[in-house]
Protein backbone atom coordinates (compact mmCIF):
# COMPACT_ATOMS: atom_id res chain seq x y z
CA MET A 1 2.77 -27.39 -9.57
CA PRO A 2 2.16 -25.88 -6.11
CA ALA A 3 -1.33 -24.54 -5.48
CA LEU A 4 -1.77 -20.78 -4.98
CA SER A 5 -4.26 -18.95 -2.77
CA VAL A 6 -5.10 -15.36 -3.68
CA VAL A 7 -5.96 -13.36 -0.57
CA ILE A 8 -7.89 -10.08 -0.81
CA LEU A 9 -8.61 -7.75 2.12
CA ALA A 10 -11.79 -5.74 1.69
CA LYS A 11 -14.13 -3.18 3.21
CA ASN A 12 -16.76 -1.37 1.13
CA GLU A 13 -15.07 -2.11 -2.21
CA GLU A 14 -18.07 -2.93 -4.39
CA HIS A 15 -16.74 -0.70 -7.18
CA PHE A 16 -13.44 -2.59 -7.52
CA ILE A 17 -13.82 -6.12 -6.14
CA GLU A 18 -15.19 -7.68 -9.36
CA ARG A 19 -12.34 -6.60 -11.65
CA CYS A 20 -9.80 -7.66 -9.00
CA ILE A 21 -11.23 -11.17 -8.66
CA ARG A 22 -11.69 -11.64 -12.40
CA SER A 23 -8.00 -10.88 -12.96
CA VAL A 24 -6.99 -13.91 -10.80
CA ARG A 25 -9.74 -16.45 -11.49
CA TRP A 26 -7.02 -18.79 -12.80
CA ALA A 27 -5.72 -19.27 -9.22
CA ASP A 28 -6.47 -22.41 -7.20
CA GLU A 29 -8.25 -20.40 -4.51
CA VAL A 30 -9.50 -16.84 -4.26
CA PHE A 31 -10.84 -15.64 -0.95
CA VAL A 32 -11.82 -12.32 0.55
CA LEU A 33 -11.36 -11.33 4.19
CA ASP A 34 -13.92 -8.60 4.82
CA SER A 35 -13.76 -6.22 7.77
CA GLY A 36 -17.31 -4.92 8.02
CA SER A 37 -18.52 -3.91 4.57
CA VAL A 38 -21.96 -2.32 4.45
CA ASP A 39 -22.16 -2.31 0.65
CA ARG A 40 -22.31 -5.26 -1.80
CA THR A 41 -18.63 -6.26 -1.54
CA ARG A 42 -19.26 -9.66 0.03
CA GLU A 43 -22.17 -10.51 -2.27
CA ILE A 44 -20.22 -9.66 -5.42
CA ALA A 45 -17.19 -11.65 -4.27
CA ALA A 46 -19.29 -14.71 -3.45
CA SER A 47 -21.12 -14.51 -6.80
CA LEU A 48 -17.74 -14.78 -8.54
CA GLY A 49 -16.85 -17.96 -6.66
CA ALA A 50 -14.60 -16.45 -4.01
CA ASN A 51 -14.74 -17.69 -0.46
CA VAL A 52 -15.66 -14.85 1.89
CA TYR A 53 -14.68 -14.60 5.55
CA GLU A 54 -15.31 -11.83 8.05
CA GLN A 55 -12.85 -10.41 10.56
CA GLU A 56 -12.98 -7.20 12.56
CA TRP A 57 -10.11 -4.92 11.55
CA LEU A 58 -6.86 -5.78 13.38
CA GLY A 59 -4.46 -3.38 11.65
CA TRP A 60 -2.75 -3.84 8.30
CA SER A 61 -0.08 -6.39 9.18
CA ALA A 62 -2.19 -8.30 11.70
CA GLN A 63 -5.12 -8.51 9.27
CA ARG A 64 -2.85 -9.87 6.56
CA ASN A 65 -1.35 -12.47 8.88
CA LYS A 66 -4.86 -13.49 9.99
CA ALA A 67 -5.94 -13.83 6.36
CA MET A 68 -2.86 -15.90 5.60
CA SER A 69 -3.84 -18.41 8.29
CA LEU A 70 -7.20 -19.00 6.57
CA ALA A 71 -5.73 -19.88 3.18
CA LYS A 72 -6.03 -23.46 1.94
CA ASN A 73 -2.55 -23.41 0.40
CA ASP A 74 0.91 -22.52 1.68
CA TRP A 75 1.77 -20.33 -1.30
CA VAL A 76 -0.22 -17.11 -0.96
CA PHE A 77 -0.65 -14.06 -3.19
CA PHE A 78 -1.92 -10.90 -1.49
CA LEU A 79 -3.95 -8.39 -3.47
CA ASP A 80 -5.74 -5.16 -2.59
CA CYS A 81 -9.24 -4.64 -3.98
CA ASP A 82 -8.14 -1.74 -6.16
CA GLU A 83 -5.38 -3.78 -7.82
CA ILE A 84 -5.55 -5.68 -11.11
CA VAL A 85 -3.24 -8.49 -12.23
CA THR A 86 -2.34 -7.84 -15.87
CA PRO A 87 -2.16 -10.78 -18.31
CA GLU A 88 1.64 -10.37 -18.49
CA LEU A 89 1.97 -10.64 -14.72
CA ALA A 90 -0.44 -13.58 -14.59
CA HIS A 91 1.66 -15.39 -17.23
CA SER A 92 4.82 -14.74 -15.22
CA ILE A 93 3.22 -16.13 -12.05
CA LYS A 94 2.03 -19.27 -13.83
CA GLU A 95 5.52 -19.82 -15.25
CA VAL A 96 7.06 -19.55 -11.79
CA LEU A 97 4.51 -22.00 -10.37
CA SER A 98 5.34 -24.51 -13.10
CA GLU A 99 9.00 -24.68 -12.04
CA PRO A 100 10.72 -25.79 -8.81
CA MET A 101 10.29 -23.12 -6.10
CA ASP A 102 12.34 -22.58 -2.97
CA GLU A 103 9.88 -22.18 -0.09
CA ARG A 104 12.17 -19.61 1.56
CA ASP A 105 12.02 -17.26 -1.43
CA ALA A 106 9.47 -14.54 -2.09
CA TYR A 107 8.29 -12.89 -5.31
CA SER A 108 8.13 -9.15 -5.90
CA MET A 109 6.30 -7.23 -8.61
CA ASP A 110 6.20 -3.86 -10.27
CA ARG A 111 3.12 -1.99 -9.05
CA GLN A 112 2.12 1.08 -11.03
CA GLY A 113 -0.67 3.44 -10.05
CA ASP A 114 -2.92 5.90 -11.80
CA PHE A 115 -3.03 9.67 -11.56
CA LEU A 116 -5.82 11.73 -13.11
CA GLY A 117 -6.46 9.20 -15.86
CA ILE A 118 -2.93 8.11 -16.77
CA LEU A 119 -0.61 5.32 -15.63
CA LEU A 120 2.36 6.53 -13.59
CA PRO A 121 5.81 4.94 -13.62
CA ASN A 122 6.76 3.20 -10.40
CA MET A 123 7.92 5.99 -8.07
CA SER A 124 9.58 3.75 -5.46
CA ARG A 125 13.32 3.45 -4.89
CA PRO A 126 14.93 0.30 -6.39
CA SER A 127 15.36 -1.25 -2.93
CA ASN A 128 11.66 -0.75 -2.17
CA ARG A 129 10.67 -2.26 -5.51
CA ARG A 130 12.75 -5.35 -4.76
CA ASN A 131 11.03 -5.69 -1.39
CA PHE A 132 7.51 -5.18 -2.75
CA VAL A 133 6.70 -8.84 -2.12
CA ARG A 134 3.21 -10.21 -2.68
CA ILE A 135 3.77 -13.94 -3.24
CA PHE A 136 5.44 -16.10 -0.60
CA ASN A 137 5.16 -19.34 1.34
CA ARG A 138 3.37 -18.83 4.65
CA ARG A 139 5.31 -21.63 6.35
CA TYR A 140 8.49 -19.55 6.14
CA SER A 141 7.37 -15.93 5.70
CA LYS A 142 4.94 -13.50 7.29
CA TYR A 143 4.10 -9.80 7.56
CA ASP A 144 6.18 -7.65 9.89
CA MET A 145 3.95 -6.82 12.86
CA THR A 146 6.01 -3.73 13.74
CA MET A 147 4.87 -1.92 10.58
CA LYS A 148 1.84 0.35 11.06
CA VAL A 149 1.76 1.33 7.39
CA HIS A 150 3.47 0.22 4.16
CA GLU A 151 3.52 -3.29 5.57
CA THR A 152 6.38 -5.56 4.49
CA VAL A 153 6.96 -9.30 4.31
CA LEU A 154 9.72 -10.96 6.32
CA TYR A 155 11.19 -13.82 4.28
CA PRO A 156 14.38 -15.89 4.83
CA GLY A 157 15.34 -16.37 1.17
CA LYS A 158 15.77 -14.04 -1.78
CA SER A 159 13.35 -11.72 -3.55
CA ILE A 160 12.64 -12.75 -7.14
CA PRO A 161 11.12 -10.07 -9.42
CA LEU A 162 8.25 -11.08 -11.70
CA GLU A 163 7.63 -9.77 -15.20
CA GLY A 164 4.50 -7.73 -15.84
CA VAL A 165 2.72 -4.93 -14.03
CA LEU A 166 0.39 -5.00 -11.05
CA LEU A 167 -2.07 -2.18 -11.75
CA HIS A 168 -3.15 -0.04 -8.81
CA TRP A 169 -5.99 1.96 -10.30
CA ARG A 170 -8.30 3.92 -8.00
CA GLY A 171 -9.38 6.91 -10.07
CA TYR A 172 -9.05 9.45 -7.27
CA THR A 173 -9.94 13.09 -7.76
CA MET A 174 -7.63 15.77 -6.36
CA ASP A 175 -9.87 16.11 -3.29
CA GLU A 176 -9.50 12.39 -2.60
CA TYR A 177 -5.72 12.44 -3.14
CA ILE A 178 -5.40 15.25 -0.59
CA VAL A 179 -7.60 13.49 1.99
CA VAL A 180 -5.75 10.17 1.62
CA GLY A 181 -2.34 11.86 1.62
CA ASN A 182 -3.18 13.70 4.83
CA ARG A 183 -4.37 10.50 6.51
CA TYR A 184 -1.20 8.61 5.57
CA ALA A 185 0.97 11.54 6.64
CA THR A 186 -0.40 11.25 10.17
CA VAL A 187 0.38 7.53 10.44
CA GLU A 188 3.80 7.95 8.82
CA ALA A 189 4.67 10.79 11.21
CA GLU A 190 3.71 8.52 14.12
CA VAL A 191 6.02 5.81 12.75
CA LEU A 192 8.90 8.30 12.45
CA TYR A 193 8.19 9.54 15.98
CA ASP A 194 8.29 6.01 17.38
CA LYS A 195 11.62 5.40 15.62
CA GLY A 196 13.14 8.52 17.17
CA TYR A 197 13.50 10.62 14.02
CA ARG A 198 13.79 14.35 14.68
CA ALA A 199 12.24 17.06 12.53
CA ASN A 200 13.61 20.60 12.27
CA GLY A 201 13.25 23.53 9.92
CA PHE A 202 15.99 22.33 7.59
CA VAL A 203 14.45 18.85 7.23
CA ILE A 204 10.96 20.28 6.72
CA PHE A 205 12.32 22.60 4.01
CA LEU A 206 14.63 20.17 2.22
CA ARG A 207 12.69 16.90 2.08
CA PRO A 208 9.78 18.21 -0.04
CA ILE A 209 12.29 19.61 -2.56
CA LEU A 210 14.08 16.27 -2.79
CA ARG A 211 10.78 14.45 -3.13
CA PHE A 212 9.71 16.72 -5.99
CA LEU A 213 13.01 16.21 -7.82
CA TRP A 214 12.78 12.44 -7.34
CA CYS A 215 9.27 12.22 -8.80
CA TYR A 216 9.66 14.83 -11.53
CA ILE A 217 13.26 14.27 -12.68
CA ALA A 218 14.56 10.90 -11.47
CA ARG A 219 11.34 8.95 -12.12
CA GLY A 220 10.42 10.75 -15.33
CA GLY A 221 7.43 12.80 -14.24
CA PHE A 222 8.53 15.54 -16.63
CA ARG A 223 7.44 13.30 -19.51
CA LEU A 224 3.83 13.46 -18.30
CA GLY A 225 3.25 17.14 -19.01
CA THR A 226 1.14 19.11 -16.57
CA ARG A 227 0.04 15.94 -14.79
CA GLY A 228 3.68 15.23 -13.99
CA VAL A 229 4.09 18.65 -12.37
CA ILE A 230 0.88 18.28 -10.37
CA HIS A 231 1.82 14.78 -9.18
CA ALA A 232 5.34 15.76 -8.13
CA MET A 233 4.01 18.83 -6.29
CA LEU A 234 1.40 16.69 -4.54
CA GLN A 235 4.04 14.19 -3.42
CA ALA A 236 6.24 17.05 -2.19
CA THR A 237 3.28 18.45 -0.25
CA ASN A 238 2.66 15.07 1.38
CA GLU A 239 6.34 14.96 2.38
CA TYR A 240 6.09 18.44 3.89
CA VAL A 241 2.92 17.57 5.85
CA ARG A 242 4.48 14.33 7.13
CA TYR A 243 7.51 16.07 8.63
CA ALA A 244 5.52 19.11 9.77
CA LYS A 245 3.28 16.73 11.73
CA LEU A 246 6.34 15.00 13.16
CA TRP A 247 7.70 18.37 14.32
CA GLU A 248 4.32 19.18 15.87
CA MET A 249 4.34 15.90 17.80
CA GLN A 250 7.78 16.68 19.17
CA ASN A 251 7.52 20.41 19.84
CA ALA A 252 3.99 21.80 19.90
CA ALA A 253 1.46 20.40 22.32
CA ARG A 254 -2.11 21.40 21.56
CA THR A 255 -2.98 24.72 23.21
CA SER A 256 -6.76 25.02 23.49
CA HIS A 257 -6.76 28.47 25.11
CA PRO A 258 -4.45 31.49 24.73
CA PRO A 259 -1.68 31.70 27.33
CA ALA A 260 -1.89 34.42 29.98
CA HIS A 261 0.63 36.72 28.29
CA ILE A 262 -1.70 36.89 25.25
CA TYR A 263 -5.04 36.96 27.01
CA LYS A 264 -5.71 36.88 30.73
CA ASN A 265 -9.10 35.55 31.72
CA PRO A 266 -10.92 38.33 33.62
CA SER A 267 -12.20 35.82 36.18
């Protein structure tokens, strides 16, 4: 059976780090790469038997690749602090480890998040779910350094889905959802800008509608009552802000003072 290292990136995650580590204590190694916590994250992790290393933040993909280099084993399993490995997923991972594994392959999992106290269905497209890889062999695979956000693993083999759910439970309030959504929208707009995507009025109008329909109809948000409506509207809003920011980057430089035809400085 190949040994498995569980790798957790952390910064100020004292509220979540314990449950995350406890869900994978069956692994051969659990270690945390901390990027400057000022709370009890490192102390809690060490008290649970995890190895703790420190590394100044390098960016999502670079930090993950750095963490991967510190693992004791070639097979690595990346977790975020606010994620929990369910018993069903843990059983599936142990079964895979007990059988012959192709070092070129990677293993994907179904991550489901919370929203205002309930568990959401996975909202990703099927292709994204297949590529949501968290377990792979570091000798053959690594994180794509070109990705600023929503980092992905580059692997030469096939993606094998695992049974069970990876819980992503943060317990955000609406204020926190809006703050986080706005922050991600900025980075995602920058990524679209770098790739040469163009935003116009039609795109800014249409994409939020499509996003709402995807979340509410295609992914079953209508079954969640009022929460389903709120979630789909929030996702549509994030889509609108993302493409509005992209349009701003391409068409509207910041204007700190009114132009002369609006107000002419008396001086």
